[in-house]
Amino acid sequence: MKYVVIDLEMNPVDREFRDVRRRLNEEVIEFGAVRLDESFQQEAEFQCYVEPEYGKIKKHITNLTSITQSMVDGQEHYAAAFQKFVDWIGEEETKIYSWSMSDIKQLKKECRFKLPEFDVEWLDSRWVDLQQEFDDRLGLHNSLALKHALGAMDHKFEGTQHTALADAINTSAILVLMQDDAKFRQTMQPVLDILEPQEDLSSSIGDLCPDLLKLRADLEE
């Protein structure tokens, strides 16, 4: 068994393509993934940019991801890039993880539109929502964002946020930690502590992940 952690960056379909937008709101512009072996050791990386077919890179997407139009010009379109990703995964039994289900929903929509011959059940049978597994393991009713989970781990984000490969690498750190249940519970105890009502919040926890303080306040509203 191998384990792949994937992250995608997307760009909105331009409004001029009204017929397309009825079936597809966004297009993948970057794949980023890491593959872990049977012992959950990283053994390979996958990254590629994808040239969108229905519009140029929007300014707010560049601001978020640092992906510019020049970076995707001349790159392969989705069909070829996705096939490369599938080939990279290989034929060995593999689970594919992402933080939330948004990425698999995007891949399924884009495959149905651009690769109608591809059997999307191949994705369904392999995909795991790591965010949901994380929440279930801790008994949380509200999902934590990736940055909150990493902050609670005292894990310094490697690379730049909202770049697909960096997000995949950092997400894989959570997957690796979750393989040791005792260590996972011990590491994540500050999350449970901070979400439980109490008179005084530990300043050390606040320093560790200040955004969790806001999360607790939001949950209490």
N, C-alpha and C. Protein backbone atom coordinates (compact mmCIF):
# COMPACT_ATOMS: atom_id res chain seq x y z
N MET A 1 0.83 -1.20 0.00
CA MET A 1 0.00 0.00 0.00
C MET A 1 0.87 1.26 0.00
N LYS A 2 0.53 2.19 -0.90
CA LYS A 2 1.18 3.49 -0.92
C LYS A 2 0.15 4.56 -0.54
N TYR A 3 0.64 5.74 -0.18
CA TYR A 3 -0.24 6.82 0.27
C TYR A 3 0.16 8.10 -0.45
N VAL A 4 -0.80 8.72 -1.11
CA VAL A 4 -0.57 9.96 -1.84
C VAL A 4 -1.36 11.08 -1.18
N VAL A 5 -0.71 12.20 -0.94
CA VAL A 5 -1.37 13.39 -0.42
C VAL A 5 -1.33 14.45 -1.51
N ILE A 6 -2.50 14.98 -1.87
CA ILE A 6 -2.59 15.89 -3.01
C ILE A 6 -3.19 17.22 -2.60
N ASP A 7 -2.78 18.27 -3.31
CA ASP A 7 -3.41 19.58 -3.18
C ASP A 7 -3.49 20.20 -4.57
N LEU A 8 -4.55 20.95 -4.80
CA LEU A 8 -4.77 21.60 -6.09
C LEU A 8 -4.92 23.10 -5.91
N GLU A 9 -4.53 23.84 -6.93
CA GLU A 9 -4.86 25.26 -7.01
C GLU A 9 -5.74 25.44 -8.24
N MET A 10 -6.76 26.30 -8.12
CA MET A 10 -7.72 26.46 -9.19
C MET A 10 -7.88 27.93 -9.60
N ASN A 11 -8.42 28.10 -10.79
CA ASN A 11 -8.70 29.43 -11.34
C ASN A 11 -10.13 29.43 -11.87
N PRO A 12 -10.92 30.48 -11.61
CA PRO A 12 -12.30 30.50 -12.09
C PRO A 12 -12.40 30.52 -13.60
N VAL A 13 -13.41 29.83 -14.13
CA VAL A 13 -13.72 29.91 -15.56
C VAL A 13 -14.25 31.31 -15.85
N ASP A 14 -13.77 31.91 -16.91
CA ASP A 14 -14.17 33.28 -17.24
C ASP A 14 -15.66 33.34 -17.56
N ARG A 15 -16.26 34.44 -17.19
CA ARG A 15 -17.71 34.61 -17.36
C ARG A 15 -18.14 34.57 -18.82
N GLU A 16 -17.23 34.84 -19.73
CA GLU A 16 -17.62 34.83 -21.15
C GLU A 16 -17.97 33.42 -21.63
N PHE A 17 -17.50 32.40 -20.90
CA PHE A 17 -17.79 31.01 -21.27
C PHE A 17 -19.01 30.53 -20.49
N ARG A 18 -20.15 31.07 -20.83
CA ARG A 18 -21.37 30.81 -20.06
C ARG A 18 -21.78 29.35 -20.11
N ASP A 19 -21.68 28.73 -21.27
CA ASP A 19 -22.07 27.33 -21.39
C ASP A 19 -21.17 26.43 -20.55
N VAL A 20 -19.88 26.75 -20.53
CA VAL A 20 -18.93 25.96 -19.73
C VAL A 20 -19.23 26.12 -18.25
N ARG A 21 -19.51 27.36 -17.83
CA ARG A 21 -19.73 27.63 -16.41
C ARG A 21 -20.95 26.89 -15.84
N ARG A 22 -21.84 26.46 -16.71
CA ARG A 22 -22.98 25.67 -16.23
C ARG A 22 -22.52 24.30 -15.71
N ARG A 23 -21.38 23.85 -16.17
CA ARG A 23 -20.88 22.53 -15.77
C ARG A 23 -19.57 22.59 -14.99
N LEU A 24 -18.84 23.70 -15.15
CA LEU A 24 -17.51 23.78 -14.55
C LEU A 24 -17.23 25.21 -14.11
N ASN A 25 -17.10 25.43 -12.82
CA ASN A 25 -16.86 26.79 -12.30
C ASN A 25 -15.39 27.16 -12.27
N GLU A 26 -14.52 26.15 -12.07
CA GLU A 26 -13.08 26.40 -11.93
C GLU A 26 -12.30 25.38 -12.74
N GLU A 27 -11.02 25.72 -12.98
CA GLU A 27 -10.10 24.79 -13.63
C GLU A 27 -8.85 24.64 -12.77
N VAL A 28 -8.31 23.43 -12.72
CA VAL A 28 -7.06 23.19 -12.01
C VAL A 28 -5.93 23.89 -12.75
N ILE A 29 -5.10 24.64 -12.01
CA ILE A 29 -3.93 25.27 -12.62
C ILE A 29 -2.62 24.77 -12.00
N GLU A 30 -2.72 23.98 -10.93
CA GLU A 30 -1.51 23.37 -10.36
C GLU A 30 -1.87 22.10 -9.62
N PHE A 31 -1.10 21.05 -9.90
CA PHE A 31 -1.14 19.81 -9.12
C PHE A 31 0.09 19.79 -8.22
N GLY A 32 -0.11 19.39 -6.98
CA GLY A 32 1.01 19.14 -6.09
C GLY A 32 0.70 17.91 -5.26
N ALA A 33 1.64 16.98 -5.18
CA ALA A 33 1.38 15.75 -4.43
C ALA A 33 2.67 15.15 -3.93
N VAL A 34 2.57 14.39 -2.86
CA VAL A 34 3.69 13.59 -2.35
C VAL A 34 3.21 12.16 -2.18
N ARG A 35 4.12 11.22 -2.39
CA ARG A 35 3.81 9.81 -2.22
C ARG A 35 4.62 9.26 -1.05
N LEU A 36 3.93 8.55 -0.16
CA LEU A 36 4.56 7.94 1.00
C LEU A 36 4.55 6.42 0.83
N ASP A 37 5.59 5.77 1.34
CA ASP A 37 5.67 4.32 1.21
C ASP A 37 4.87 3.63 2.32
N GLU A 38 5.03 2.32 2.43
CA GLU A 38 4.27 1.54 3.41
C GLU A 38 4.54 1.97 4.84
N SER A 39 5.71 2.58 5.07
CA SER A 39 6.08 3.05 6.41
C SER A 39 5.80 4.54 6.60
N PHE A 40 5.07 5.12 5.67
CA PHE A 40 4.72 6.54 5.70
C PHE A 40 5.96 7.44 5.64
N GLN A 41 6.95 6.99 4.88
CA GLN A 41 8.10 7.81 4.58
C GLN A 41 7.93 8.38 3.18
N GLN A 42 8.21 9.67 3.02
CA GLN A 42 8.04 10.27 1.70
C GLN A 42 9.06 9.69 0.73
N GLU A 43 8.57 9.29 -0.45
CA GLU A 43 9.46 8.70 -1.44
C GLU A 43 9.44 9.43 -2.79
N ALA A 44 8.44 10.28 -3.02
CA ALA A 44 8.39 10.97 -4.32
C ALA A 44 7.50 12.20 -4.24
N GLU A 45 7.75 13.13 -5.16
CA GLU A 45 6.94 14.35 -5.26
C GLU A 45 6.43 14.49 -6.69
N PHE A 46 5.29 15.15 -6.82
CA PHE A 46 4.72 15.44 -8.14
C PHE A 46 4.22 16.88 -8.13
N GLN A 47 4.62 17.64 -9.15
CA GLN A 47 4.16 19.02 -9.27
C GLN A 47 4.12 19.41 -10.73
N CYS A 48 3.04 20.04 -11.13
CA CYS A 48 2.99 20.59 -12.49
C CYS A 48 1.94 21.70 -12.55
N TYR A 49 2.22 22.68 -13.40
CA TYR A 49 1.25 23.73 -13.68
C TYR A 49 0.40 23.30 -14.86
N VAL A 50 -0.79 23.85 -14.94
CA VAL A 50 -1.75 23.49 -15.97
C VAL A 50 -2.27 24.77 -16.61
N GLU A 51 -2.25 24.81 -17.93
CA GLU A 51 -2.77 25.99 -18.61
C GLU A 51 -4.30 25.91 -18.69
N PRO A 52 -5.00 26.89 -18.12
CA PRO A 52 -6.47 26.86 -18.20
C PRO A 52 -6.94 27.07 -19.62
N GLU A 53 -8.07 26.48 -19.94
CA GLU A 53 -8.62 26.55 -21.29
C GLU A 53 -9.73 27.58 -21.45
N TYR A 54 -10.24 28.06 -20.31
CA TYR A 54 -11.40 28.95 -20.37
C TYR A 54 -11.16 30.21 -19.55
N GLY A 55 -10.13 30.95 -19.93
CA GLY A 55 -9.86 32.22 -19.27
C GLY A 55 -8.42 32.33 -18.79
N LYS A 56 -8.04 33.53 -18.47
CA LYS A 56 -6.70 33.82 -17.96
C LYS A 56 -6.69 33.77 -16.43
N ILE A 57 -5.48 33.69 -15.87
CA ILE A 57 -5.33 33.67 -14.42
C ILE A 57 -5.84 34.99 -13.84
N LYS A 58 -6.75 34.89 -12.89
CA LYS A 58 -7.33 36.08 -12.28
C LYS A 58 -6.35 36.70 -11.29
N LYS A 59 -6.47 38.01 -11.12
CA LYS A 59 -5.54 38.74 -10.26
C LYS A 59 -5.59 38.22 -8.83
N HIS A 60 -6.78 37.95 -8.32
CA HIS A 60 -6.88 37.50 -6.93
C HIS A 60 -6.29 36.10 -6.75
N ILE A 61 -6.29 35.30 -7.83
CA ILE A 61 -5.66 33.98 -7.76
C ILE A 61 -4.14 34.13 -7.72
N THR A 62 -3.61 35.06 -8.50
CA THR A 62 -2.17 35.34 -8.44
C THR A 62 -1.78 35.83 -7.06
N ASN A 63 -2.60 36.72 -6.48
CA ASN A 63 -2.31 37.24 -5.14
C ASN A 63 -2.31 36.12 -4.10
N LEU A 64 -3.19 35.14 -4.28
CA LEU A 64 -3.31 34.05 -3.31
C LEU A 64 -2.23 32.99 -3.50
N THR A 65 -1.97 32.62 -4.76
CA THR A 65 -1.11 31.46 -5.04
C THR A 65 0.25 31.81 -5.62
N SER A 66 0.41 33.06 -6.05
CA SER A 66 1.63 33.52 -6.74
C SER A 66 1.77 32.92 -8.14
N ILE A 67 0.73 32.27 -8.63
CA ILE A 67 0.75 31.72 -9.98
C ILE A 67 0.34 32.81 -10.96
N THR A 68 1.20 33.11 -11.92
CA THR A 68 0.93 34.14 -12.92
C THR A 68 0.58 33.48 -14.25
N GLN A 69 0.05 34.28 -15.16
CA GLN A 69 -0.30 33.76 -16.48
C GLN A 69 0.92 33.21 -17.21
N SER A 70 2.05 33.89 -17.05
CA SER A 70 3.27 33.44 -17.75
C SER A 70 3.73 32.07 -17.25
N MET A 71 3.39 31.71 -16.01
CA MET A 71 3.79 30.42 -15.46
C MET A 71 3.00 29.26 -16.04
N VAL A 72 1.79 29.55 -16.54
CA VAL A 72 0.96 28.48 -17.09
C VAL A 72 0.91 28.49 -18.62
N ASP A 73 1.32 29.61 -19.22
CA ASP A 73 1.33 29.68 -20.68
C ASP A 73 2.23 28.58 -21.26
N GLY A 74 1.69 27.81 -22.19
CA GLY A 74 2.47 26.76 -22.83
C GLY A 74 2.53 25.45 -22.06
N GLN A 75 1.97 25.42 -20.84
CA GLN A 75 1.92 24.17 -20.08
C GLN A 75 0.81 23.28 -20.65
N GLU A 76 0.82 22.03 -20.27
CA GLU A 76 -0.20 21.11 -20.75
C GLU A 76 -1.57 21.47 -20.18
N HIS A 77 -2.60 21.11 -20.92
CA HIS A 77 -3.95 21.29 -20.43
C HIS A 77 -4.31 20.18 -19.45
N TYR A 78 -5.48 20.30 -18.88
CA TYR A 78 -5.88 19.40 -17.80
C TYR A 78 -5.79 17.92 -18.17
N ALA A 79 -6.31 17.56 -19.32
CA ALA A 79 -6.38 16.13 -19.67
C ALA A 79 -5.00 15.47 -19.62
N ALA A 80 -4.00 16.14 -20.18
CA ALA A 80 -2.65 15.57 -20.20
C ALA A 80 -2.02 15.60 -18.81
N ALA A 81 -2.24 16.70 -18.08
CA ALA A 81 -1.66 16.83 -16.74
C ALA A 81 -2.26 15.80 -15.79
N PHE A 82 -3.56 15.60 -15.86
CA PHE A 82 -4.21 14.63 -14.98
C PHE A 82 -3.72 13.22 -15.30
N GLN A 83 -3.56 12.91 -16.59
CA GLN A 83 -3.06 11.59 -16.96
C GLN A 83 -1.65 11.37 -16.42
N LYS A 84 -0.83 12.41 -16.44
CA LYS A 84 0.51 12.30 -15.85
C LYS A 84 0.43 11.99 -14.36
N PHE A 85 -0.52 12.63 -13.68
CA PHE A 85 -0.70 12.39 -12.25
C PHE A 85 -1.12 10.94 -12.00
N VAL A 86 -2.05 10.44 -12.79
CA VAL A 86 -2.50 9.05 -12.65
C VAL A 86 -1.35 8.09 -12.92
N ASP A 87 -0.56 8.36 -13.96
CA ASP A 87 0.60 7.51 -14.27
C ASP A 87 1.62 7.54 -13.15
N TRP A 88 1.80 8.71 -12.55
CA TRP A 88 2.76 8.86 -11.44
C TRP A 88 2.32 8.03 -10.24
N ILE A 89 1.02 7.98 -9.97
CA ILE A 89 0.51 7.15 -8.87
C ILE A 89 0.84 5.69 -9.13
N GLY A 90 0.67 5.27 -10.38
CA GLY A 90 1.00 3.89 -10.72
C GLY A 90 -0.14 2.92 -10.45
N GLU A 91 0.14 1.65 -10.64
CA GLU A 91 -0.88 0.62 -10.53
C GLU A 91 -0.94 -0.01 -9.14
N GLU A 92 0.02 0.29 -8.28
CA GLU A 92 0.01 -0.29 -6.95
C GLU A 92 -1.17 0.24 -6.14
N GLU A 93 -1.67 -0.57 -5.22
CA GLU A 93 -2.79 -0.15 -4.38
C GLU A 93 -2.40 1.13 -3.62
N THR A 94 -3.23 2.15 -3.74
CA THR A 94 -2.88 3.48 -3.21
C THR A 94 -4.11 4.16 -2.62
N LYS A 95 -3.92 4.80 -1.49
CA LYS A 95 -4.93 5.69 -0.94
C LYS A 95 -4.51 7.14 -1.25
N ILE A 96 -5.49 7.96 -1.60
CA ILE A 96 -5.22 9.35 -1.94
C ILE A 96 -5.90 10.23 -0.90
N TYR A 97 -5.12 11.09 -0.26
CA TYR A 97 -5.61 11.95 0.81
C TYR A 97 -5.60 13.41 0.38
N SER A 98 -6.61 14.15 0.85
CA SER A 98 -6.62 15.60 0.69
C SER A 98 -7.25 16.20 1.94
N TRP A 99 -7.01 17.50 2.13
CA TRP A 99 -7.60 18.19 3.28
C TRP A 99 -8.95 18.74 2.84
N SER A 100 -10.04 18.03 3.17
CA SER A 100 -11.42 18.28 2.78
C SER A 100 -11.69 17.59 1.45
N MET A 101 -12.93 17.66 1.01
CA MET A 101 -13.34 16.97 -0.21
C MET A 101 -13.36 17.89 -1.42
N SER A 102 -12.96 19.12 -1.28
CA SER A 102 -13.06 20.07 -2.39
C SER A 102 -12.21 19.64 -3.58
N ASP A 103 -11.05 19.04 -3.32
CA ASP A 103 -10.17 18.66 -4.43
C ASP A 103 -10.73 17.51 -5.26
N ILE A 104 -11.27 16.50 -4.59
CA ILE A 104 -11.83 15.39 -5.37
C ILE A 104 -13.07 15.84 -6.14
N LYS A 105 -13.85 16.73 -5.56
CA LYS A 105 -15.02 17.25 -6.27
C LYS A 105 -14.59 17.99 -7.54
N GLN A 106 -13.49 18.76 -7.42
CA GLN A 106 -12.99 19.47 -8.59
C GLN A 106 -12.49 18.50 -9.66
N LEU A 107 -11.72 17.50 -9.25
CA LEU A 107 -11.19 16.54 -10.22
C LEU A 107 -12.32 15.79 -10.92
N LYS A 108 -13.34 15.40 -10.17
CA LYS A 108 -14.45 14.66 -10.77
C LYS A 108 -15.21 15.53 -11.77
N LYS A 109 -15.45 16.79 -11.40
CA LYS A 109 -16.15 17.69 -12.32
C LYS A 109 -15.35 17.91 -13.59
N GLU A 110 -14.03 18.15 -13.41
CA GLU A 110 -13.20 18.46 -14.57
C GLU A 110 -12.99 17.22 -15.44
N CYS A 111 -12.90 16.06 -14.80
CA CYS A 111 -12.78 14.83 -15.59
C CYS A 111 -14.05 14.59 -16.39
N ARG A 112 -15.20 14.76 -15.78
CA ARG A 112 -16.46 14.53 -16.50
C ARG A 112 -16.59 15.47 -17.69
N PHE A 113 -16.05 16.69 -17.54
CA PHE A 113 -16.18 17.67 -18.60
C PHE A 113 -15.11 17.49 -19.68
N LYS A 114 -13.86 17.24 -19.26
CA LYS A 114 -12.74 17.21 -20.20
C LYS A 114 -12.23 15.81 -20.52
N LEU A 115 -12.54 14.85 -19.63
CA LEU A 115 -12.12 13.45 -19.84
C LEU A 115 -13.30 12.53 -19.59
N PRO A 116 -14.35 12.65 -20.40
CA PRO A 116 -15.58 11.89 -20.11
C PRO A 116 -15.37 10.38 -20.12
N GLU A 117 -14.30 9.90 -20.76
CA GLU A 117 -14.06 8.46 -20.79
C GLU A 117 -13.40 7.95 -19.52
N PHE A 118 -12.90 8.85 -18.68
CA PHE A 118 -12.22 8.42 -17.45
C PHE A 118 -13.26 8.01 -16.41
N ASP A 119 -13.04 6.86 -15.79
CA ASP A 119 -13.95 6.34 -14.77
C ASP A 119 -13.66 7.01 -13.43
N VAL A 120 -14.52 7.96 -13.04
CA VAL A 120 -14.26 8.71 -11.80
C VAL A 120 -14.40 7.84 -10.56
N GLU A 121 -14.96 6.64 -10.71
CA GLU A 121 -15.01 5.73 -9.56
C GLU A 121 -13.60 5.33 -9.13
N TRP A 122 -12.65 5.43 -10.04
CA TRP A 122 -11.25 5.19 -9.68
C TRP A 122 -10.82 6.14 -8.57
N LEU A 123 -11.29 7.38 -8.64
CA LEU A 123 -10.98 8.35 -7.58
C LEU A 123 -11.77 8.02 -6.31
N ASP A 124 -13.07 7.79 -6.45
CA ASP A 124 -13.91 7.53 -5.28
C ASP A 124 -13.40 6.37 -4.45
N SER A 125 -12.92 5.33 -5.14
CA SER A 125 -12.51 4.12 -4.43
C SER A 125 -11.20 4.30 -3.66
N ARG A 126 -10.43 5.35 -3.97
CA ARG A 126 -9.13 5.55 -3.35
C ARG A 126 -9.09 6.74 -2.40
N TRP A 127 -10.06 7.65 -2.52
CA TRP A 127 -9.95 8.95 -1.87
C TRP A 127 -10.31 8.89 -0.39
N VAL A 128 -9.56 9.65 0.43
CA VAL A 128 -9.82 9.79 1.85
C VAL A 128 -9.78 11.27 2.21
N ASP A 129 -10.81 11.72 2.91
CA ASP A 129 -10.86 13.09 3.40
C ASP A 129 -10.09 13.14 4.72
N LEU A 130 -8.84 13.58 4.67
CA LEU A 130 -8.00 13.59 5.87
C LEU A 130 -8.53 14.56 6.91
N GLN A 131 -9.08 15.65 6.48
CA GLN A 131 -9.66 16.62 7.43
C GLN A 131 -10.77 15.96 8.26
N GLN A 132 -11.63 15.18 7.60
CA GLN A 132 -12.71 14.51 8.32
C GLN A 132 -12.17 13.45 9.27
N GLU A 133 -11.16 12.70 8.83
CA GLU A 133 -10.54 11.71 9.72
C GLU A 133 -9.91 12.37 10.94
N PHE A 134 -9.28 13.51 10.70
CA PHE A 134 -8.66 14.28 11.78
C PHE A 134 -9.72 14.74 12.78
N ASP A 135 -10.81 15.31 12.27
CA ASP A 135 -11.88 15.79 13.14
C ASP A 135 -12.51 14.64 13.92
N ASP A 136 -12.75 13.53 13.23
CA ASP A 136 -13.37 12.38 13.89
C ASP A 136 -12.46 11.82 14.99
N ARG A 137 -11.18 11.79 14.72
CA ARG A 137 -10.23 11.25 15.71
C ARG A 137 -10.26 12.08 16.99
N LEU A 138 -10.44 13.38 16.86
CA LEU A 138 -10.47 14.26 18.02
C LEU A 138 -11.88 14.48 18.55
N GLY A 139 -12.88 13.98 17.85
CA GLY A 139 -14.26 14.19 18.29
C GLY A 139 -14.74 15.61 18.09
N LEU A 140 -14.21 16.29 17.08
CA LEU A 140 -14.61 17.67 16.81
C LEU A 140 -15.83 17.71 15.91
N HIS A 141 -16.73 18.64 16.20
CA HIS A 141 -17.92 18.81 15.37
C HIS A 141 -17.72 19.90 14.33
N ASN A 142 -16.71 20.73 14.52
CA ASN A 142 -16.38 21.78 13.57
C ASN A 142 -15.00 21.52 13.00
N SER A 143 -14.88 21.58 11.69
CA SER A 143 -13.61 21.26 11.04
C SER A 143 -12.56 22.34 11.28
N LEU A 144 -11.33 21.91 11.49
CA LEU A 144 -10.21 22.82 11.62
C LEU A 144 -9.56 23.04 10.26
N ALA A 145 -9.17 24.27 10.01
CA ALA A 145 -8.41 24.58 8.81
C ALA A 145 -7.03 23.95 8.93
N LEU A 146 -6.38 23.73 7.79
CA LEU A 146 -5.06 23.12 7.78
C LEU A 146 -4.07 23.90 8.65
N LYS A 147 -4.09 25.23 8.55
CA LYS A 147 -3.14 26.02 9.32
C LYS A 147 -3.38 25.89 10.82
N HIS A 148 -4.65 25.68 11.24
CA HIS A 148 -4.94 25.49 12.66
C HIS A 148 -4.37 24.15 13.14
N ALA A 149 -4.58 23.11 12.32
CA ALA A 149 -4.08 21.79 12.70
C ALA A 149 -2.56 21.81 12.80
N LEU A 150 -1.89 22.43 11.84
CA LEU A 150 -0.43 22.51 11.87
C LEU A 150 0.05 23.35 13.04
N GLY A 151 -0.67 24.44 13.33
CA GLY A 151 -0.29 25.27 14.46
C GLY A 151 -0.36 24.52 15.77
N ALA A 152 -1.40 23.72 15.93
CA ALA A 152 -1.54 22.93 17.16
C ALA A 152 -0.43 21.90 17.29
N MET A 153 0.08 21.43 16.14
CA MET A 153 1.18 20.48 16.14
C MET A 153 2.52 21.15 16.42
N ASP A 154 2.51 22.48 16.46
CA ASP A 154 3.75 23.25 16.55
C ASP A 154 4.65 22.91 15.35
N HIS A 155 3.99 22.73 14.21
CA HIS A 155 4.69 22.37 12.98
C HIS A 155 4.84 23.62 12.13
N LYS A 156 6.06 24.02 11.88
CA LYS A 156 6.30 25.19 11.04
C LYS A 156 6.01 24.84 9.60
N PHE A 157 5.16 25.66 8.98
CA PHE A 157 4.78 25.40 7.59
C PHE A 157 6.01 25.44 6.70
N GLU A 158 6.21 24.39 5.92
CA GLU A 158 7.34 24.32 5.00
C GLU A 158 6.94 24.90 3.65
N GLY A 159 7.68 25.88 3.18
CA GLY A 159 7.36 26.48 1.90
C GLY A 159 6.36 27.61 2.03
N THR A 160 5.62 27.85 0.96
CA THR A 160 4.67 28.96 0.89
C THR A 160 3.26 28.41 0.85
N GLN A 161 2.39 28.96 1.72
CA GLN A 161 1.01 28.53 1.73
C GLN A 161 0.34 28.83 0.40
N HIS A 162 -0.63 27.97 0.05
CA HIS A 162 -1.39 28.09 -1.20
C HIS A 162 -0.52 27.87 -2.43
N THR A 163 0.56 27.11 -2.26
CA THR A 163 1.24 26.50 -3.40
C THR A 163 1.00 25.00 -3.24
N ALA A 164 0.61 24.35 -4.32
CA ALA A 164 0.07 23.01 -4.22
C ALA A 164 1.02 22.00 -3.58
N LEU A 165 2.28 21.99 -4.01
CA LEU A 165 3.22 21.01 -3.48
C LEU A 165 3.49 21.26 -2.01
N ALA A 166 3.68 22.52 -1.62
CA ALA A 166 3.94 22.84 -0.21
C ALA A 166 2.75 22.44 0.66
N ASP A 167 1.53 22.72 0.19
CA ASP A 167 0.35 22.34 0.96
C ASP A 167 0.26 20.83 1.10
N ALA A 168 0.61 20.10 0.04
CA ALA A 168 0.57 18.64 0.10
C ALA A 168 1.61 18.11 1.09
N ILE A 169 2.81 18.67 1.06
CA ILE A 169 3.87 18.23 1.97
C ILE A 169 3.46 18.46 3.42
N ASN A 170 2.90 19.62 3.69
CA ASN A 170 2.51 19.93 5.07
C ASN A 170 1.31 19.10 5.51
N THR A 171 0.39 18.83 4.61
CA THR A 171 -0.74 17.96 4.94
C THR A 171 -0.24 16.55 5.26
N SER A 172 0.77 16.11 4.55
CA SER A 172 1.30 14.76 4.79
C SER A 172 1.89 14.63 6.19
N ALA A 173 2.36 15.75 6.77
CA ALA A 173 2.89 15.71 8.14
C ALA A 173 1.80 15.32 9.13
N ILE A 174 0.57 15.76 8.86
CA ILE A 174 -0.55 15.39 9.72
C ILE A 174 -0.88 13.92 9.56
N LEU A 175 -0.86 13.45 8.31
CA LEU A 175 -1.12 12.03 8.07
C LEU A 175 -0.11 11.15 8.79
N VAL A 176 1.14 11.53 8.74
CA VAL A 176 2.19 10.76 9.41
C VAL A 176 1.96 10.75 10.92
N LEU A 177 1.66 11.90 11.49
CA LEU A 177 1.42 11.97 12.94
C LEU A 177 0.25 11.09 13.35
N MET A 178 -0.78 11.01 12.52
CA MET A 178 -1.97 10.26 12.87
C MET A 178 -1.73 8.75 12.92
N GLN A 179 -0.58 8.29 12.44
CA GLN A 179 -0.28 6.85 12.50
C GLN A 179 0.10 6.39 13.90
N ASP A 180 0.46 7.33 14.78
CA ASP A 180 0.78 7.02 16.18
C ASP A 180 -0.30 7.65 17.04
N ASP A 181 -1.29 6.85 17.44
CA ASP A 181 -2.47 7.42 18.10
C ASP A 181 -2.12 8.12 19.41
N ALA A 182 -1.24 7.52 20.21
CA ALA A 182 -0.89 8.12 21.49
C ALA A 182 -0.19 9.46 21.29
N LYS A 183 0.75 9.49 20.36
CA LYS A 183 1.47 10.74 20.08
C LYS A 183 0.53 11.78 19.49
N PHE A 184 -0.39 11.32 18.65
CA PHE A 184 -1.36 12.23 18.05
C PHE A 184 -2.22 12.88 19.13
N ARG A 185 -2.75 12.07 20.04
CA ARG A 185 -3.59 12.61 21.10
C ARG A 185 -2.83 13.58 21.98
N GLN A 186 -1.59 13.23 22.31
CA GLN A 186 -0.77 14.09 23.16
C GLN A 186 -0.48 15.42 22.46
N THR A 187 -0.14 15.34 21.18
CA THR A 187 0.20 16.54 20.42
C THR A 187 -1.01 17.45 20.24
N MET A 188 -2.18 16.84 20.03
CA MET A 188 -3.37 17.62 19.75
C MET A 188 -4.18 18.00 20.99
N GLN A 189 -3.71 17.63 22.16
CA GLN A 189 -4.44 17.96 23.38
C GLN A 189 -4.69 19.47 23.52
N PRO A 190 -3.75 20.34 23.13
CA PRO A 190 -4.05 21.78 23.21
C PRO A 190 -5.29 22.19 22.42
N VAL A 191 -5.57 21.50 21.31
CA VAL A 191 -6.78 21.82 20.55
C VAL A 191 -8.01 21.52 21.39
N LEU A 192 -8.03 20.35 22.02
CA LEU A 192 -9.16 19.98 22.86
C LEU A 192 -9.29 20.91 24.06
N ASP A 193 -8.16 21.27 24.63
CA ASP A 193 -8.18 22.16 25.79
C ASP A 193 -8.76 23.53 25.44
N ILE A 194 -8.34 24.05 24.31
CA ILE A 194 -8.72 25.41 23.97
C ILE A 194 -10.16 25.50 23.48
N LEU A 195 -10.72 24.38 23.01
CA LEU A 195 -12.10 24.40 22.55
C LEU A 195 -13.08 24.09 23.67
N GLU A 196 -12.58 23.69 24.84
CA GLU A 196 -13.46 23.41 25.96
C GLU A 196 -13.59 24.66 26.81
N PRO A 197 -14.81 24.97 27.28
CA PRO A 197 -15.01 26.18 28.10
C PRO A 197 -14.15 26.13 29.35
N GLN A 198 -13.50 27.23 29.64
CA GLN A 198 -12.69 27.35 30.85
C GLN A 198 -12.48 28.84 31.11
N GLU A 199 -12.18 29.16 32.37
CA GLU A 199 -12.06 30.56 32.75
C GLU A 199 -10.81 31.19 32.19
N ASP A 200 -9.72 30.49 32.24
CA ASP A 200 -8.46 31.05 31.79
C ASP A 200 -7.87 30.20 30.68
N LEU A 201 -7.47 30.84 29.61
CA LEU A 201 -6.82 30.13 28.50
C LEU A 201 -5.31 30.20 28.69
N SER A 202 -4.66 29.11 28.40
CA SER A 202 -3.21 29.08 28.52
C SER A 202 -2.58 30.03 27.50
N SER A 203 -1.73 30.90 27.97
CA SER A 203 -1.07 31.83 27.05
C SER A 203 -0.15 31.08 26.10
N SER A 204 0.39 29.96 26.56
CA SER A 204 1.28 29.21 25.69
C SER A 204 0.52 28.64 24.50
N ILE A 205 -0.71 28.22 24.74
CA ILE A 205 -1.53 27.70 23.65
C ILE A 205 -1.90 28.83 22.71
N GLY A 206 -2.22 29.99 23.29
CA GLY A 206 -2.52 31.14 22.46
C GLY A 206 -1.36 31.54 21.60
N ASP A 207 -0.16 31.45 22.16
CA ASP A 207 1.03 31.77 21.38
C ASP A 207 1.27 30.72 20.30
N LEU A 208 0.93 29.47 20.63
CA LEU A 208 1.16 28.39 19.69
C LEU A 208 0.31 28.54 18.44
N CYS A 209 -0.95 28.89 18.63
CA CYS A 209 -1.85 29.01 17.49
C CYS A 209 -2.93 30.04 17.80
N PRO A 210 -2.64 31.32 17.64
CA PRO A 210 -3.59 32.37 18.00
C PRO A 210 -4.93 32.23 17.29
N ASP A 211 -4.95 31.69 16.09
CA ASP A 211 -6.21 31.58 15.35
C ASP A 211 -7.20 30.67 16.06
N LEU A 212 -6.69 29.75 16.90
CA LEU A 212 -7.60 28.87 17.63
C LEU A 212 -8.43 29.64 18.64
N LEU A 213 -7.90 30.74 19.16
CA LEU A 213 -8.67 31.56 20.08
C LEU A 213 -9.90 32.12 19.38
N LYS A 214 -9.73 32.58 18.17
CA LYS A 214 -10.86 33.09 17.39
C LYS A 214 -11.83 31.96 17.07
N LEU A 215 -11.29 30.77 16.76
CA LEU A 215 -12.14 29.64 16.46
C LEU A 215 -13.03 29.32 17.65
N ARG A 216 -12.47 29.32 18.84
CA ARG A 216 -13.27 29.02 20.04
C ARG A 216 -14.36 30.04 20.23
N ALA A 217 -14.02 31.31 20.00
CA ALA A 217 -15.01 32.36 20.14
C ALA A 217 -16.13 32.20 19.12
N ASP A 218 -15.78 31.81 17.90
CA ASP A 218 -16.78 31.60 16.87
C ASP A 218 -17.73 30.45 17.24
N LEU A 219 -17.16 29.40 17.83
CA LEU A 219 -17.98 28.24 18.20
C LEU A 219 -18.92 28.56 19.34
N GLU A 220 -18.56 29.52 20.20
CA GLU A 220 -19.38 29.84 21.34
C GLU A 220 -20.50 30.81 21.00
N GLU A 221 -20.43 31.42 19.80
CA GLU A 221 -21.47 32.38 19.40
C GLU A 221 -22.78 31.66 19.07
